[in-house]
């Protein structure tokens, strides 16, 4: 049981690192504002709290669904993250 909890914490940490990187790049590119990223992070946290499941919405998905980013912009940020790994 402890191993699953540990894995969940690692997944959560990884998701937060990804979300922060995604947000930083999207802001730097001028795709979204810092306020929009913060609102998306809050929405992501609320979704995780109420869903009761391990799956969470990705930050890019939330920004796209709210109409703050286009699909092309989301893909651009994801490519940059992938290229820098």
N, C-alpha and C. Protein backbone atom coordinates (compact mmCIF):
# COMPACT_ATOMS: atom_id res chain seq x y z
N UNK A 1 0.82 -1.19 0.00
CA UNK A 1 0.00 0.00 0.00
C UNK A 1 0.87 1.25 0.00
N UNK A 2 1.93 1.25 0.78
CA UNK A 2 2.80 2.41 0.85
C UNK A 2 3.44 2.70 -0.51
N UNK A 3 3.75 1.64 -1.27
CA UNK A 3 4.37 1.82 -2.58
C UNK A 3 3.44 2.59 -3.52
N UNK A 4 2.14 2.29 -3.50
CA UNK A 4 1.18 3.00 -4.34
C UNK A 4 1.10 4.47 -3.95
N UNK A 5 1.11 4.75 -2.68
CA UNK A 5 1.07 6.13 -2.21
C UNK A 5 2.32 6.86 -2.66
N UNK A 6 3.46 6.20 -2.55
CA UNK A 6 4.71 6.80 -2.97
C UNK A 6 4.69 7.09 -4.47
N UNK A 7 4.19 6.15 -5.26
CA UNK A 7 4.09 6.34 -6.70
C UNK A 7 3.16 7.51 -7.00
N UNK A 8 2.04 7.60 -6.31
CA UNK A 8 1.09 8.68 -6.53
C UNK A 8 1.74 10.03 -6.25
N UNK A 9 2.51 10.11 -5.17
CA UNK A 9 3.19 11.37 -4.86
C UNK A 9 4.20 11.71 -5.95
N UNK A 10 4.92 10.72 -6.46
CA UNK A 10 5.86 10.96 -7.54
C UNK A 10 5.14 11.41 -8.80
N UNK A 11 4.00 10.78 -9.11
CA UNK A 11 3.20 11.19 -10.27
C UNK A 11 2.71 12.62 -10.11
N UNK A 12 2.28 12.95 -8.91
CA UNK A 12 1.78 14.30 -8.65
C UNK A 12 2.91 15.32 -8.81
N UNK A 13 4.08 15.00 -8.27
CA UNK A 13 5.23 15.90 -8.41
C UNK A 13 5.60 16.08 -9.87
N UNK A 14 5.61 14.99 -10.62
CA UNK A 14 5.93 15.05 -12.04
C UNK A 14 4.91 15.89 -12.79
N UNK A 15 3.65 15.73 -12.46
CA UNK A 15 2.59 16.52 -13.10
C UNK A 15 2.76 18.01 -12.82
N UNK A 16 3.14 18.35 -11.59
CA UNK A 16 3.33 19.76 -11.25
C UNK A 16 4.54 20.35 -11.98
N UNK A 17 5.61 19.57 -12.09
CA UNK A 17 6.78 20.05 -12.83
C UNK A 17 6.40 20.30 -14.28
N UNK A 18 5.68 19.34 -14.87
CA UNK A 18 5.24 19.48 -16.26
C UNK A 18 4.34 20.70 -16.41
N UNK A 19 3.37 20.86 -15.52
CA UNK A 19 2.43 21.98 -15.61
C UNK A 19 3.16 23.30 -15.50
N UNK A 20 4.11 23.38 -14.58
CA UNK A 20 4.87 24.62 -14.42
C UNK A 20 5.70 24.93 -15.66
N UNK A 21 6.35 23.91 -16.22
CA UNK A 21 7.14 24.10 -17.44
C UNK A 21 6.25 24.51 -18.60
N UNK A 22 5.12 23.82 -18.73
CA UNK A 22 4.19 24.13 -19.80
C UNK A 22 3.74 25.58 -19.68
N UNK A 23 3.36 25.98 -18.49
CA UNK A 23 2.90 27.35 -18.25
C UNK A 23 3.98 28.37 -18.54
N UNK A 24 5.19 28.10 -18.09
CA UNK A 24 6.30 29.04 -18.31
C UNK A 24 6.54 29.26 -19.81
N UNK A 25 6.55 28.18 -20.56
CA UNK A 25 6.79 28.29 -22.00
C UNK A 25 5.64 29.01 -22.68
N UNK A 26 4.42 28.65 -22.33
CA UNK A 26 3.25 29.28 -22.95
C UNK A 26 3.22 30.79 -22.67
N UNK A 27 3.60 31.19 -21.47
CA UNK A 27 3.65 32.62 -21.13
C UNK A 27 4.77 33.29 -21.92
N UNK A 28 5.94 32.68 -21.94
CA UNK A 28 7.09 33.24 -22.64
C UNK A 28 6.79 33.44 -24.13
N UNK A 29 6.05 32.51 -24.72
CA UNK A 29 5.70 32.59 -26.14
C UNK A 29 4.58 33.60 -26.39
N UNK A 30 3.96 34.09 -25.32
CA UNK A 30 2.88 35.06 -25.47
C UNK A 30 1.54 34.42 -25.79
N UNK A 31 1.43 33.11 -25.60
CA UNK A 31 0.18 32.41 -25.89
C UNK A 31 -0.89 32.68 -24.83
N UNK A 32 -0.46 32.82 -23.58
CA UNK A 32 -1.38 33.03 -22.46
C UNK A 32 -0.74 33.99 -21.46
N UNK A 33 -1.56 34.46 -20.54
CA UNK A 33 -1.06 35.31 -19.46
C UNK A 33 -0.77 34.46 -18.23
N UNK A 34 -0.02 35.03 -17.31
CA UNK A 34 0.26 34.34 -16.04
C UNK A 34 -1.05 34.08 -15.29
N UNK A 35 -1.97 35.02 -15.38
CA UNK A 35 -3.27 34.86 -14.70
C UNK A 35 -4.02 33.66 -15.26
N UNK A 36 -4.00 33.48 -16.57
CA UNK A 36 -4.69 32.34 -17.17
C UNK A 36 -4.06 31.02 -16.74
N UNK A 37 -2.75 30.98 -16.67
CA UNK A 37 -2.07 29.76 -16.22
C UNK A 37 -2.44 29.46 -14.77
N UNK A 38 -2.44 30.48 -13.92
CA UNK A 38 -2.82 30.28 -12.52
C UNK A 38 -4.24 29.76 -12.41
N UNK A 39 -5.16 30.33 -13.19
CA UNK A 39 -6.55 29.87 -13.17
C UNK A 39 -6.65 28.41 -13.63
N UNK A 40 -5.87 28.06 -14.64
CA UNK A 40 -5.88 26.68 -15.13
C UNK A 40 -5.33 25.72 -14.07
N UNK A 41 -4.29 26.14 -13.35
CA UNK A 41 -3.74 25.30 -12.29
C UNK A 41 -4.75 25.10 -11.16
N UNK A 42 -5.49 26.15 -10.84
CA UNK A 42 -6.55 26.03 -9.83
C UNK A 42 -7.62 25.06 -10.31
N UNK A 43 -8.01 25.20 -11.57
CA UNK A 43 -9.01 24.29 -12.14
C UNK A 43 -8.51 22.85 -12.11
N UNK A 44 -7.24 22.65 -12.41
CA UNK A 44 -6.65 21.31 -12.39
C UNK A 44 -6.71 20.73 -10.98
N UNK A 45 -6.39 21.53 -9.98
CA UNK A 45 -6.41 21.08 -8.59
C UNK A 45 -7.82 20.74 -8.15
N UNK A 46 -8.78 21.57 -8.53
CA UNK A 46 -10.18 21.32 -8.17
C UNK A 46 -10.66 20.03 -8.83
N UNK A 47 -10.31 19.83 -10.09
CA UNK A 47 -10.71 18.61 -10.81
C UNK A 47 -10.15 17.38 -10.10
N UNK A 48 -8.89 17.44 -9.70
CA UNK A 48 -8.27 16.30 -9.01
C UNK A 48 -8.96 16.05 -7.68
N UNK A 49 -9.31 17.09 -6.95
CA UNK A 49 -9.93 16.94 -5.64
C UNK A 49 -11.31 16.31 -5.73
N UNK A 50 -12.09 16.73 -6.73
CA UNK A 50 -13.47 16.25 -6.82
C UNK A 50 -13.62 14.97 -7.62
N UNK A 51 -12.67 14.66 -8.48
CA UNK A 51 -12.82 13.47 -9.31
C UNK A 51 -12.60 12.19 -8.50
N UNK A 52 -11.74 12.26 -7.49
CA UNK A 52 -11.48 11.10 -6.67
C UNK A 52 -10.70 10.01 -7.38
N UNK A 53 -10.15 10.35 -8.54
CA UNK A 53 -9.36 9.38 -9.28
C UNK A 53 -7.98 9.96 -9.54
N UNK A 54 -7.06 9.11 -9.93
CA UNK A 54 -5.68 9.56 -10.12
C UNK A 54 -5.51 10.39 -11.38
N UNK A 55 -6.36 10.16 -12.38
CA UNK A 55 -6.24 10.91 -13.62
C UNK A 55 -6.52 12.39 -13.35
N UNK A 56 -5.79 13.22 -14.01
CA UNK A 56 -6.05 14.65 -13.89
C UNK A 56 -6.00 15.27 -15.28
N UNK A 57 -6.65 16.39 -15.41
CA UNK A 57 -6.60 17.10 -16.68
C UNK A 57 -5.23 17.74 -16.83
N UNK A 58 -4.70 17.66 -18.01
CA UNK A 58 -3.42 18.30 -18.29
C UNK A 58 -3.63 19.80 -18.44
N UNK A 59 -2.61 20.56 -18.07
CA UNK A 59 -2.70 22.01 -18.10
C UNK A 59 -3.00 22.51 -19.51
N UNK A 60 -2.39 21.90 -20.51
CA UNK A 60 -2.65 22.30 -21.90
C UNK A 60 -4.09 22.04 -22.30
N UNK A 61 -4.64 20.93 -21.82
CA UNK A 61 -6.03 20.59 -22.09
C UNK A 61 -6.96 21.64 -21.50
N UNK A 62 -6.69 22.06 -20.29
CA UNK A 62 -7.52 23.07 -19.63
C UNK A 62 -7.43 24.41 -20.35
N UNK A 63 -6.21 24.81 -20.71
CA UNK A 63 -6.02 26.09 -21.41
C UNK A 63 -6.73 26.06 -22.76
N UNK A 64 -6.69 24.93 -23.45
CA UNK A 64 -7.38 24.78 -24.73
C UNK A 64 -8.89 24.82 -24.55
N UNK A 65 -9.40 24.05 -23.59
CA UNK A 65 -10.85 23.98 -23.36
C UNK A 65 -11.44 25.34 -22.98
N UNK A 66 -10.65 26.15 -22.29
CA UNK A 66 -11.13 27.49 -21.91
C UNK A 66 -10.98 28.50 -23.04
N UNK A 67 -10.44 28.08 -24.16
CA UNK A 67 -10.29 28.96 -25.31
C UNK A 67 -9.11 29.91 -25.20
N UNK A 68 -8.20 29.64 -24.28
CA UNK A 68 -7.05 30.52 -24.06
C UNK A 68 -5.87 30.17 -24.96
N UNK A 69 -5.86 28.94 -25.46
CA UNK A 69 -4.81 28.51 -26.38
C UNK A 69 -5.45 27.72 -27.51
N UNK A 70 -4.83 27.79 -28.68
CA UNK A 70 -5.27 26.96 -29.79
C UNK A 70 -4.59 25.60 -29.68
N UNK A 71 -5.09 24.65 -30.43
CA UNK A 71 -4.47 23.33 -30.45
C UNK A 71 -3.04 23.43 -30.97
N UNK A 72 -2.83 24.26 -31.97
CA UNK A 72 -1.49 24.46 -32.51
C UNK A 72 -0.52 25.01 -31.49
N UNK A 73 -1.00 25.94 -30.66
CA UNK A 73 -0.15 26.50 -29.61
C UNK A 73 0.20 25.46 -28.56
N UNK A 74 -0.78 24.64 -28.18
CA UNK A 74 -0.53 23.56 -27.21
C UNK A 74 0.52 22.61 -27.78
N UNK A 75 0.36 22.24 -29.04
CA UNK A 75 1.32 21.33 -29.67
C UNK A 75 2.70 21.96 -29.75
N UNK A 76 2.77 23.25 -30.02
CA UNK A 76 4.05 23.96 -30.08
C UNK A 76 4.78 23.88 -28.73
N UNK A 77 4.05 24.13 -27.66
CA UNK A 77 4.65 24.06 -26.32
C UNK A 77 5.10 22.63 -26.01
N UNK A 78 4.27 21.66 -26.34
CA UNK A 78 4.64 20.26 -26.09
C UNK A 78 5.89 19.86 -26.87
N UNK A 79 6.00 20.32 -28.11
CA UNK A 79 7.21 20.03 -28.89
C UNK A 79 8.44 20.64 -28.24
N UNK A 80 8.31 21.87 -27.74
CA UNK A 80 9.45 22.51 -27.09
C UNK A 80 9.86 21.74 -25.83
N UNK A 81 8.89 21.30 -25.06
CA UNK A 81 9.19 20.51 -23.86
C UNK A 81 9.90 19.22 -24.27
N UNK A 82 9.39 18.56 -25.28
CA UNK A 82 9.96 17.30 -25.75
C UNK A 82 11.38 17.50 -26.29
N UNK A 83 11.60 18.56 -27.03
CA UNK A 83 12.92 18.83 -27.61
C UNK A 83 13.96 19.15 -26.55
N UNK A 84 13.54 19.68 -25.42
CA UNK A 84 14.47 20.10 -24.36
C UNK A 84 14.74 19.01 -23.34
N UNK A 85 14.21 17.82 -23.54
CA UNK A 85 14.44 16.75 -22.57
C UNK A 85 15.66 15.97 -22.90
